[in-house]
C-alpha atoms as a PDB file:
ATOM      1  CA  MET A   1      -0.161   0.107  -0.087  1.00  0.00           C
ATOM      2  CA  THR A   2       1.379   3.465  -0.983  1.00  0.00           C
ATOM      3  CA  PHE A   3       1.723   6.357   1.705  1.00  0.00           C
ATOM      4  CA  THR A   4      -1.226   8.339   0.022  1.00  0.00           C
ATOM      5  CA  GLY A   5      -3.301   4.891  -0.170  1.00  0.00           C
ATOM      6  CA  ALA A   6      -2.941   4.535   3.689  1.00  0.00           C
ATOM      7  CA  ILE A   7      -4.013   8.110   3.991  1.00  0.00           C
ATOM      8  CA  GLY A   8      -6.986   7.567   1.832  1.00  0.00           C
ATOM      9  CA  ARG A   9      -8.169   4.483   3.849  1.00  0.00           C
ATOM     10  CA  ALA A  10      -7.887   6.341   7.198  1.00  0.00           C
ATOM     11  CA  CYS A  11     -10.148   9.166   5.797  1.00  0.00           C
ATOM     12  CA  LEU A  12     -12.661   6.993   4.074  1.00  0.00           C
ATOM     13  CA  PHE A  13     -14.912   6.553   6.898  1.00  0.00           C
ATOM     14  CA  PRO A  14     -15.929  10.407   7.097  1.00  0.00           C
ATOM     15  CA  LEU A  15     -15.855  10.436   3.460  1.00  0.00           C
ATOM     16  CA  ARG A  16     -18.445   8.014   3.174  1.00  0.00           C
ATOM     17  CA  ALA A  17     -21.184  10.225   4.470  1.00  0.00           C
ATOM     18  CA  ILE A  18     -20.245  12.887   1.776  1.00  0.00           C
ATOM     19  CA  ILE A  19     -20.068  10.187  -1.196  1.00  0.00           C
ATOM     20  CA  ALA A  20     -23.719   8.990   0.200  1.00  0.00           C
ATOM     21  CA  LEU A  21     -25.054  12.573   0.258  1.00  0.00           C
ATOM     22  CA  CYS A  22     -23.861  13.087  -3.522  1.00  0.00           C
ATOM     23  CA  VAL A  23     -25.214   9.804  -4.373  1.00  0.00           C
ATOM     24  CA  ALA A  24     -28.581  10.665  -2.641  1.00  0.00           C
ATOM     25  CA  LEU A  25     -28.692  13.884  -4.631  1.00  0.00           C
ATOM     26  CA  ARG A  26     -27.398  12.271  -7.828  1.00  0.00           C
ATOM     27  CA  ILE A  27     -24.770  14.809  -8.306  1.00  0.00           C
ATOM     28  CA  HIS A  28     -22.878  13.926 -11.653  1.00  0.00           C
ATOM     29  CA  PRO A  29     -19.107  12.964 -10.900  1.00  0.00           C
ATOM     30  CA  ASN A  30     -18.116  15.157 -13.749  1.00  0.00           C
ATOM     31  CA  VAL A  31     -19.427  18.216 -11.675  1.00  0.00           C
ATOM     32  CA  LEU A  32     -17.593  17.012  -8.743  1.00  0.00           C
ATOM     33  CA  THR A  33     -14.425  16.802 -10.675  1.00  0.00           C
ATOM     34  CA  LEU A  34     -14.857  20.486 -11.954  1.00  0.00           C
ATOM     35  CA  THR A  35     -15.841  21.894  -8.492  1.00  0.00           C
ATOM     36  CA  GLY A  36     -12.509  20.311  -7.320  1.00  0.00           C
ATOM     37  CA  VAL A  37     -10.617  22.071 -10.047  1.00  0.00           C
ATOM     38  CA  ILE A  38     -12.344  25.380  -9.338  1.00  0.00           C
ATOM     39  CA  ILE A  39     -11.458  25.106  -5.726  1.00  0.00           C
ATOM     40  CA  ASN A  40      -7.674  24.307  -6.434  1.00  0.00           C
ATOM     41  CA  GLY A  41      -8.043  27.525  -8.609  1.00  0.00           C
ATOM     42  CA  ALA A  42      -8.756  29.309  -5.340  1.00  0.00           C
ATOM     43  CA  ALA A  43      -5.620  27.617  -3.716  1.00  0.00           C
ATOM     44  CA  GLY A  44      -3.541  28.834  -6.360  1.00  0.00           C
ATOM     45  CA  TRP A  45      -4.772  32.491  -5.866  1.00  0.00           C
ATOM     46  CA  ALA A  46      -4.109  31.961  -2.034  1.00  0.00           C
ATOM     47  CA  LEU A  47      -0.554  30.833  -2.746  1.00  0.00           C
ATOM     48  CA  ALA A  48      -0.048  33.837  -5.155  1.00  0.00           C
ATOM     49  CA  VAL A  49      -0.642  36.183  -2.364  1.00  0.00           C
ATOM     50  CA  GLY A  50       1.521  34.219   0.242  1.00  0.00           C
ATOM     51  CA  GLY A  51      -1.534  32.842   2.132  1.00  0.00           C
ATOM     52  CA  PHE A  52       0.026  29.274   2.483  1.00  0.00           C
ATOM     53  CA  GLY A  53      -1.981  28.234   5.458  1.00  0.00           C
ATOM     54  CA  LEU A  54      -5.201  28.951   3.801  1.00  0.00           C
ATOM     55  CA  ALA A  55      -3.991  27.314   0.665  1.00  0.00           C
ATOM     56  CA  GLY A  56      -3.407  24.382   2.470  1.00  0.00           C
ATOM     57  CA  TRP A  57      -6.921  23.938   3.704  1.00  0.00           C
ATOM     58  CA  ILE A  58      -8.240  24.916   0.377  1.00  0.00           C
ATOM     59  CA  MET A  59      -6.127  22.228  -1.273  1.00  0.00           C
ATOM     60  CA  LEU A  60      -7.387  19.879   1.517  1.00  0.00           C
ATOM     61  CA  VAL A  61     -11.170  20.674   0.597  1.00  0.00           C
ATOM     62  CA  ALA A  62     -10.414  20.444  -3.219  1.00  0.00           C
ATOM     63  CA  ASN A  63      -8.983  17.064  -3.094  1.00  0.00           C
ATOM     64  CA  ILE A  64     -12.023  15.781  -1.205  1.00  0.00           C
ATOM     65  CA  PHE A  65     -13.683  16.049  -4.368  1.00  0.00           C
ATOM     66  CA  ASP A  66     -10.812  14.677  -6.521  1.00  0.00           C
ATOM     67  CA  PHE A  67     -11.098  11.651  -4.227  1.00  0.00           C
ATOM     68  CA  ILE A  68     -15.076  11.154  -4.275  1.00  0.00           C
ATOM     69  CA  ASP A  69     -15.690  11.807  -7.739  1.00  0.00           C
ATOM     70  CA  GLY A  70     -14.576   8.290  -8.735  1.00  0.00           C
ATOM     71  CA  LYS A  71     -16.505   6.517  -5.910  1.00  0.00           C
ATOM     72  CA  VAL A  72     -19.683   8.509  -6.839  1.00  0.00           C
ATOM     73  CA  ALA A  73     -19.228   7.564 -10.450  1.00  0.00           C
ATOM     74  CA  ASP A  74     -19.234   3.955  -9.310  1.00  0.00           C
ATOM     75  CA  GLU A  75     -22.077   4.158  -7.012  1.00  0.00           C
ATOM     76  CA  LEU A  76     -24.214   5.838  -9.533  1.00  0.00           C
ATOM     77  CA  LYS A  77     -23.125   3.407 -12.436  1.00  0.00           C
ATOM     78  CA  LEU A  78     -21.649   6.626 -14.314  1.00  0.00           C
ATOM     79  CA  SER A  79     -18.210   5.430 -15.111  1.00  0.00           C
ATOM     80  CA  SER A  80     -17.119   6.021 -18.600  1.00  0.00           C
ATOM     81  CA  ARG A  81     -14.194   6.443 -20.909  1.00  0.00           C
ATOM     82  CA  PHE A  82     -14.954  10.263 -21.072  1.00  0.00           C
ATOM     83  CA  GLY A  83     -15.260  10.541 -17.275  1.00  0.00           C
ATOM     84  CA  GLY A  84     -11.569   9.146 -17.016  1.00  0.00           C
ATOM     85  CA  PHE A  85     -10.435  11.677 -19.795  1.00  0.00           C
ATOM     86  CA  TRP A  86     -12.309  14.434 -18.130  1.00  0.00           C
ATOM     87  CA  ASP A  87     -10.681  13.713 -14.699  1.00  0.00           C
ATOM     88  CA  SER A  88      -7.183  13.397 -15.990  1.00  0.00           C
ATOM     89  CA  VAL A  89      -7.473  16.844 -17.992  1.00  0.00           C
ATOM     90  CA  MET A  90      -9.071  18.476 -14.887  1.00  0.00           C
ATOM     91  CA  ASP A  91      -6.117  17.260 -13.047  1.00  0.00           C
ATOM     92  CA  ARG A  92      -3.626  19.138 -15.132  1.00  0.00           C
ATOM     93  CA  PHE A  93      -5.570  22.240 -14.557  1.00  0.00           C
ATOM     94  CA  SER A  94      -5.296  21.885 -10.869  1.00  0.00           C
ATOM     95  CA  ASP A  95      -1.560  21.220 -11.042  1.00  0.00           C
ATOM     96  CA  LEU A  96      -1.193  24.400 -13.319  1.00  0.00           C
ATOM     97  CA  PHE A  97      -3.392  26.587 -11.156  1.00  0.00           C
ATOM     98  CA  ILE A  98      -1.233  25.649  -7.936  1.00  0.00           C
ATOM     99  CA  LEU A  99       2.245  25.978  -9.705  1.00  0.00           C
ATOM    100  CA  THR A 100       1.160  29.200 -11.467  1.00  0.00           C
ATOM    101  CA  GLY A 101       0.282  30.585  -8.338  1.00  0.00           C
ATOM    102  CA  LEU A 102       3.611  29.959  -6.895  1.00  0.00           C
ATOM    103  CA  ILE A 103       5.399  31.564  -9.872  1.00  0.00           C
ATOM    104  CA  TYR A 104       3.496  34.602  -9.393  1.00  0.00           C
ATOM    105  CA  LEU A 105       4.483  34.843  -5.840  1.00  0.00           C
ATOM    106  CA  TYR A 106       8.102  34.220  -6.193  1.00  0.00           C
ATOM    107  CA  ALA A 107       8.030  36.750  -9.071  1.00  0.00           C
ATOM    108  CA  THR A 108       6.487  39.326  -6.792  1.00  0.00           C
ATOM    109  CA  LEU A 109       9.030  38.519  -4.122  1.00  0.00           C
ATOM    110  CA  GLY A 110      11.862  39.238  -6.700  1.00  0.00           C
ATOM    111  CA  ARG A 111      12.995  35.586  -6.374  1.00  0.00           C
ATOM    112  CA  PRO A 112      13.955  34.702  -9.910  1.00  0.00           C
ATOM    113  CA  ASP A 113      15.595  31.448  -8.817  1.00  0.00           C
ATOM    114  CA  TYR A 114      12.387  30.069  -7.231  1.00  0.00           C
ATOM    115  CA  VAL A 115      10.460  31.362 -10.480  1.00  0.00           C
ATOM    116  CA  LEU A 116      12.692  29.402 -12.443  1.00  0.00           C
ATOM    117  CA  ILE A 117      12.151  26.062 -10.081  1.00  0.00           C
ATOM    118  CA  ALA A 118       8.507  26.591  -9.710  1.00  0.00           C
ATOM    119  CA  ALA A 119       8.507  26.675 -13.744  1.00  0.00           C
ATOM    120  CA  LEU A 120      10.713  23.492 -14.235  1.00  0.00           C
ATOM    121  CA  THR A 121       8.550  21.762 -11.487  1.00  0.00           C
ATOM    122  CA  LEU A 122       5.398  22.763 -13.414  1.00  0.00           C
ATOM    123  CA  THR A 123       7.076  21.449 -16.644  1.00  0.00           C
ATOM    124  CA  PHE A 124       8.231  18.110 -15.142  1.00  0.00           C
ATOM    125  CA  SER A 125       4.827  17.709 -13.419  1.00  0.00           C
ATOM    126  CA  VAL A 126       3.225  17.900 -16.691  1.00  0.00           C
ATOM    127  CA  MET A 127       5.752  15.598 -18.479  1.00  0.00           C
ATOM    128  CA  THR A 128       5.235  12.904 -15.585  1.00  0.00           C
ATOM    129  CA  SER A 129       1.614  12.539 -16.696  1.00  0.00           C
ATOM    130  CA  TYR A 130       2.381  13.098 -20.437  1.00  0.00           C
ATOM    131  CA  THR A 131       5.221  10.336 -20.661  1.00  0.00           C
ATOM    132  CA  ARG A 132       2.795   7.804 -18.979  1.00  0.00           C
ATOM    133  CA  ALA A 133      -0.240   8.703 -21.268  1.00  0.00           C
ATOM    134  CA  ARG A 134       2.235   8.611 -24.456  1.00  0.00           C
ATOM    135  CA  ALA A 135       3.713   5.473 -23.190  1.00  0.00           C
ATOM    136  CA  GLU A 136       0.471   3.673 -22.565  1.00  0.00           C
ATOM    137  CA  SER A 137      -0.699   4.208 -26.103  1.00  0.00           C
ATOM    138  CA  ILE A 138       2.056   1.979 -27.382  1.00  0.00           C
ATOM    139  CA  ILE A 139       2.470  -0.455 -24.160  1.00  0.00           C
ATOM    140  CA  PRO A 140      -0.178  -1.715 -21.672  1.00  0.00           C
ATOM    141  CA  LEU A 141       1.069  -0.093 -18.574  1.00  0.00           C
ATOM    142  CA  CYS A 142       3.650   2.564 -17.476  1.00  0.00           C
ATOM    143  CA  LYS A 143       3.039   3.252 -13.832  1.00  0.00           C
ATOM    144  CA  VAL A 144       6.773   3.235 -12.812  1.00  0.00           C
ATOM    145  CA  GLY A 145       8.152   6.118 -10.711  1.00  0.00           C
ATOM    146  CA  PHE A 146       7.337   7.668  -7.360  1.00  0.00           C
ATOM    147  CA  MET A 147       6.065  11.194  -8.059  1.00  0.00           C
ATOM    148  CA  GLU A 148       2.595  10.819  -9.328  1.00  0.00           C
ATOM    149  CA  ARG A 149      -0.239  13.439  -8.640  1.00  0.00           C
ATOM    150  CA  PRO A 150      -1.535  11.950  -5.091  1.00  0.00           C
ATOM    151  CA  GLU A 151       2.200  12.341  -3.810  1.00  0.00           C
ATOM    152  CA  ARG A 152       2.565  15.877  -5.218  1.00  0.00           C
ATOM    153  CA  ILE A 153      -0.822  17.020  -3.715  1.00  0.00           C
ATOM    154  CA  VAL A 154       0.398  15.544  -0.315  1.00  0.00           C
ATOM    155  CA  LEU A 155       3.705  17.417  -0.603  1.00  0.00           C
ATOM    156  CA  PHE A 156       1.963  20.642  -1.647  1.00  0.00           C
ATOM    157  CA  MET A 157      -0.195  20.496   1.201  1.00  0.00           C
ATOM    158  CA  ILE A 158       2.739  19.725   3.645  1.00  0.00           C
ATOM    159  CA  GLY A 159       4.676  22.760   2.095  1.00  0.00           C
ATOM    160  CA  ALA A 160       1.537  24.921   2.621  1.00  0.00           C
ATOM    161  CA  PHE A 161       0.909  24.016   6.227  1.00  0.00           C
ATOM    162  CA  THR A 162       4.685  24.079   7.306  1.00  0.00           C
ATOM    163  CA  ASN A 163       5.655  27.274   5.172  1.00  0.00           C
ATOM    164  CA  ARG A 164       8.407  25.149   3.757  1.00  0.00           C
ATOM    165  CA  MET A 165       7.227  25.322   0.042  1.00  0.00           C
ATOM    166  CA  ALA A 166      10.621  26.255  -1.565  1.00  0.00           C
ATOM    167  CA  ALA A 167      11.949  23.033  -0.006  1.00  0.00           C
ATOM    168  CA  VAL A 168       8.958  21.022  -1.068  1.00  0.00           C
ATOM    169  CA  LEU A 169       9.357  22.167  -4.743  1.00  0.00           C
ATOM    170  CA  TRP A 170      12.831  20.997  -4.843  1.00  0.00           C
ATOM    171  CA  VAL A 171      11.773  17.517  -3.875  1.00  0.00           C
ATOM    172  CA  ILE A 172       8.852  17.503  -6.425  1.00  0.00           C
ATOM    173  CA  LEU A 173      11.110  18.660  -8.991  1.00  0.00           C
ATOM    174  CA  VAL A 174      14.028  16.159  -8.425  1.00  0.00           C
ATOM    175  CA  LEU A 175      11.369  13.253  -8.051  1.00  0.00           C
ATOM    176  CA  SER A 176       9.395  14.365 -11.183  1.00  0.00           C
ATOM    177  CA  VAL A 177      12.674  14.430 -13.286  1.00  0.00           C
ATOM    178  CA  LEU A 178      13.635  10.921 -12.022  1.00  0.00           C
ATOM    179  CA  THR A 179      10.035   9.728 -12.727  1.00  0.00           C
ATOM    180  CA  VAL A 180      10.194  11.168 -16.255  1.00  0.00           C
ATOM    181  CA  LEU A 181      13.444   9.692 -17.022  1.00  0.00           C
ATOM    182  CA  ASP A 182      12.359   6.219 -15.504  1.00  0.00           C
ATOM    183  CA  ARG A 183       9.208   6.330 -17.715  1.00  0.00           C
ATOM    184  CA  ILE A 184      11.128   6.789 -20.822  1.00  0.00           C
ATOM    185  CA  TYR A 185      13.675   4.158 -19.831  1.00  0.00           C
ATOM    186  CA  PHE A 186      10.824   2.000 -19.028  1.00  0.00           C
ATOM    187  CA  THR A 187       8.886   2.170 -22.326  1.00  0.00           C
ATOM    188  CA  TRP A 188      12.438   1.916 -24.343  1.00  0.00           C
ATOM    189  CA  ARG A 189      12.938  -1.325 -22.364  1.00  0.00           C
ATOM    190  CA  GLU A 190       9.487  -2.692 -22.964  1.00  0.00           C
ATOM    191  CA  LEU A 191       9.429  -2.076 -26.704  1.00  0.00           C
ATOM    192  CA  ARG A 192      12.832  -3.451 -27.060  1.00  0.00           C
ATOM    193  CA  SER A 193      11.931  -6.814 -25.107  1.00  0.00           C
ATOM    194  CA  ASP A 194       8.967  -7.074 -27.307  1.00  0.00           C
ATOM    195  CA  ASN A 195      10.764  -6.300 -30.559  1.00  0.00           C
ATOM    196  CA  ARG A 196       8.356  -3.552 -31.294  1.00  0.00           C
ATOM    197  CA  GLU A 197      10.999  -0.783 -31.394  1.00  0.00           C
ATOM    198  CA  LEU A 198      11.389   0.527 -34.752  1.00  0.00           C
ATOM    199  CA  PRO A 199      14.735   0.688 -36.482  1.00  0.00           C
ATOM    200  CA  ALA A 200      16.779   4.047 -36.062  1.00  0.00           C
END
Protein backbone atom coordinates (compact mmCIF):
# COMPACT_ATOMS: atom_id res chain seq x y z
CA MET A 1 0.00 0.00 0.00
CA THR A 2 1.30 3.47 -0.86
CA PHE A 3 1.54 6.30 1.66
CA THR A 4 -1.26 8.21 -0.04
CA GLY A 5 -3.32 5.01 -0.24
CA ALA A 6 -3.01 4.62 3.54
CA ILE A 7 -4.19 8.20 4.02
CA GLY A 8 -7.11 7.54 1.71
CA ARG A 9 -8.17 4.48 3.74
CA ALA A 10 -7.91 6.39 7.01
CA CYS A 11 -10.06 9.21 5.65
CA LEU A 12 -12.59 6.97 3.91
CA PHE A 13 -14.92 6.63 6.90
CA PRO A 14 -15.92 10.33 7.21
CA LEU A 15 -15.91 10.66 3.42
CA ARG A 16 -18.51 7.90 3.08
CA ALA A 17 -21.16 10.30 4.39
CA ILE A 18 -20.21 12.87 1.72
CA ILE A 19 -20.22 10.17 -0.97
CA ALA A 20 -23.64 8.94 0.20
CA LEU A 21 -25.02 12.49 0.11
CA CYS A 22 -23.73 13.07 -3.43
CA VAL A 23 -25.24 9.75 -4.52
CA ALA A 24 -28.57 10.60 -2.87
CA LEU A 25 -28.61 13.98 -4.65
CA ARG A 26 -27.44 12.27 -7.86
CA ILE A 27 -24.68 14.81 -8.39
CA HIS A 28 -22.85 13.93 -11.57
CA PRO A 29 -19.22 12.92 -10.89
CA ASN A 30 -17.98 15.22 -13.68
CA VAL A 31 -19.50 18.14 -11.75
CA LEU A 32 -17.60 17.04 -8.64
CA THR A 33 -14.38 16.89 -10.65
CA LEU A 34 -14.94 20.40 -12.02
CA THR A 35 -15.75 21.70 -8.54
CA GLY A 36 -12.44 20.37 -7.28
CA VAL A 37 -10.57 22.16 -10.07
CA ILE A 38 -12.31 25.46 -9.32
CA ILE A 39 -11.40 25.13 -5.63
CA ASN A 40 -7.79 24.34 -6.58
CA GLY A 41 -7.88 27.57 -8.60
CA ALA A 42 -8.69 29.34 -5.33
CA ALA A 43 -5.72 27.55 -3.73
CA GLY A 44 -3.52 28.87 -6.53
CA TRP A 45 -4.74 32.39 -5.77
CA ALA A 46 -4.01 31.93 -2.05
CA LEU A 47 -0.48 30.78 -2.87
CA ALA A 48 -0.02 33.73 -5.22
CA VAL A 49 -0.72 36.18 -2.39
CA GLY A 50 1.40 34.26 0.14
CA GLY A 51 -1.47 32.73 2.12
CA PHE A 52 0.16 29.33 2.55
CA GLY A 53 -1.95 28.15 5.48
CA LEU A 54 -5.17 29.16 3.73
CA ALA A 55 -3.96 27.47 0.55
CA GLY A 56 -3.32 24.25 2.46
CA TRP A 57 -6.88 24.11 3.77
CA ILE A 58 -8.31 24.98 0.36
CA MET A 59 -6.26 22.20 -1.27
CA LEU A 60 -7.52 19.78 1.37
CA VAL A 61 -11.13 20.64 0.52
CA ALA A 62 -10.45 20.52 -3.23
CA ASN A 63 -8.97 17.08 -3.01
CA ILE A 64 -11.98 15.72 -1.17
CA PHE A 65 -13.81 16.28 -4.45
CA ASP A 66 -10.93 14.75 -6.35
CA PHE A 67 -11.16 11.64 -4.15
CA ILE A 68 -14.94 11.14 -4.16
CA ASP A 69 -15.73 11.74 -7.84
CA GLY A 70 -14.65 8.23 -8.86
CA LYS A 71 -16.51 6.67 -5.90
CA VAL A 72 -19.69 8.53 -6.80
CA ALA A 73 -19.30 7.49 -10.45
CA ASP A 74 -19.11 3.84 -9.36
CA GLU A 75 -22.13 4.15 -7.07
CA LEU A 76 -24.27 5.86 -9.72
CA LYS A 77 -23.03 3.53 -12.48
CA LEU A 78 -21.77 6.56 -14.39
CA SER A 79 -18.18 5.47 -14.97
CA SER A 80 -17.17 6.08 -18.59
CA ARG A 81 -14.13 6.55 -20.78
CA PHE A 82 -15.00 10.23 -21.14
CA GLY A 83 -15.18 10.52 -17.35
CA GLY A 84 -11.64 9.16 -17.10
CA PHE A 85 -10.48 11.58 -19.78
CA TRP A 86 -12.27 14.50 -18.09
CA ASP A 87 -10.73 13.64 -14.71
CA SER A 88 -7.22 13.44 -16.18
CA VAL A 89 -7.53 16.77 -18.02
CA MET A 90 -8.97 18.54 -14.96
CA ASP A 91 -6.12 17.17 -12.82
CA ARG A 92 -3.64 18.89 -15.13
CA PHE A 93 -5.49 22.20 -14.69
CA SER A 94 -5.34 21.79 -10.90
CA ASP A 95 -1.57 21.28 -11.03
CA LEU A 96 -1.18 24.29 -13.32
CA PHE A 97 -3.24 26.55 -11.05
CA ILE A 98 -1.18 25.68 -7.97
CA LEU A 99 2.21 26.04 -9.67
CA THR A 100 1.21 29.19 -11.55
CA GLY A 101 0.25 30.70 -8.19
CA LEU A 102 3.71 29.89 -6.86
CA ILE A 103 5.40 31.33 -9.96
CA TYR A 104 3.46 34.58 -9.46
CA LEU A 105 4.35 34.67 -5.75
CA TYR A 106 8.08 34.26 -6.32
CA ALA A 107 7.99 36.79 -9.16
CA THR A 108 6.42 39.41 -6.87
CA LEU A 109 8.97 38.58 -4.16
CA GLY A 110 11.80 39.21 -6.61
CA ARG A 111 13.06 35.62 -6.47
CA PRO A 112 13.89 34.67 -10.07
CA ASP A 113 15.66 31.54 -8.82
CA TYR A 114 12.44 30.13 -7.40
CA VAL A 115 10.44 31.37 -10.37
CA LEU A 116 12.69 29.06 -12.40
CA ILE A 117 12.37 26.18 -9.92
CA ALA A 118 8.57 26.49 -9.89
CA ALA A 119 8.49 26.69 -13.70
CA LEU A 120 10.66 23.57 -14.00
CA THR A 121 8.47 21.80 -11.44
CA LEU A 122 5.42 22.70 -13.53
CA THR A 123 7.12 21.40 -16.67
CA PHE A 124 8.14 18.06 -15.20
CA SER A 125 4.82 17.62 -13.39
CA VAL A 126 3.06 17.84 -16.75
CA MET A 127 5.68 15.61 -18.37
CA THR A 128 5.21 12.99 -15.65
CA SER A 129 1.62 12.58 -16.76
CA TYR A 130 2.38 12.98 -20.47
CA THR A 131 5.08 10.32 -20.55
CA ARG A 132 2.73 7.81 -18.96
CA ALA A 133 -0.15 8.68 -21.28
CA ARG A 134 2.04 8.55 -24.38
CA ALA A 135 3.75 5.33 -23.26
CA GLU A 136 0.43 3.62 -22.63
CA SER A 137 -0.60 4.34 -26.20
CA ILE A 138 2.11 1.89 -27.32
CA ILE A 139 2.61 -0.43 -24.31
CA PRO A 140 0.02 -1.84 -21.87
CA LEU A 141 1.09 -0.02 -18.71
CA CYS A 142 3.68 2.53 -17.58
CA LYS A 143 3.11 3.29 -13.91
CA VAL A 144 6.73 3.36 -12.81
CA GLY A 145 8.20 6.19 -10.77
CA PHE A 146 7.18 7.59 -7.40
CA MET A 147 6.09 11.15 -8.12
CA GLU A 148 2.51 10.91 -9.35
CA ARG A 149 -0.23 13.44 -8.66
CA PRO A 150 -1.38 12.15 -5.24
CA GLU A 151 2.18 12.39 -3.94
CA ARG A 152 2.55 15.91 -5.38
CA ILE A 153 -0.66 17.05 -3.71
CA VAL A 154 0.37 15.64 -0.32
CA LEU A 155 3.74 17.40 -0.61
CA PHE A 156 2.11 20.69 -1.68
CA MET A 157 -0.15 20.56 1.37
CA ILE A 158 2.79 19.77 3.65
CA GLY A 159 4.68 22.73 2.14
CA ALA A 160 1.69 25.00 2.62
CA PHE A 161 0.93 24.00 6.22
CA THR A 162 4.59 24.12 7.32
CA ASN A 163 5.54 27.20 5.25
CA ARG A 164 8.34 25.18 3.62
CA MET A 165 7.12 25.39 0.04
CA ALA A 166 10.56 26.18 -1.40
CA ALA A 167 11.98 22.94 -0.02
CA VAL A 168 8.94 21.01 -1.21
CA LEU A 169 9.39 22.38 -4.72
CA TRP A 170 12.92 20.99 -4.82
CA VAL A 171 11.70 17.57 -3.69
CA ILE A 172 8.88 17.49 -6.24
CA LEU A 173 11.18 18.70 -9.03
CA VAL A 174 13.93 16.15 -8.40
CA LEU A 175 11.51 13.23 -8.03
CA SER A 176 9.51 14.35 -11.07
CA VAL A 177 12.66 14.46 -13.21
CA LEU A 178 13.58 10.95 -12.01
CA THR A 179 10.04 9.71 -12.72
CA VAL A 180 10.06 11.10 -16.27
CA LEU A 181 13.46 9.54 -16.98
CA ASP A 182 12.34 6.25 -15.46
CA ARG A 183 9.23 6.17 -17.66
CA ILE A 184 11.22 6.93 -20.79
CA TYR A 185 13.68 4.15 -19.98
CA PHE A 186 10.91 1.71 -19.00
CA THR A 187 9.06 2.32 -22.29
CA TRP A 188 12.26 1.88 -24.31
CA ARG A 189 13.01 -1.35 -22.45
CA GLU A 190 9.47 -2.73 -22.93
CA LEU A 191 9.49 -1.98 -26.65
CA ARG A 192 12.93 -3.48 -27.04
CA SER A 193 12.02 -6.66 -25.17
CA ASP A 194 8.86 -7.09 -27.25
CA ASN A 195 10.72 -6.45 -30.50
CA ARG A 196 8.38 -3.57 -31.23
CA GLU A 197 10.95 -0.81 -31.39
CA LEU A 198 11.29 0.75 -34.80
CA PRO A 199 14.76 0.69 -36.37
CA ALA A 200 16.73 3.91 -36.03
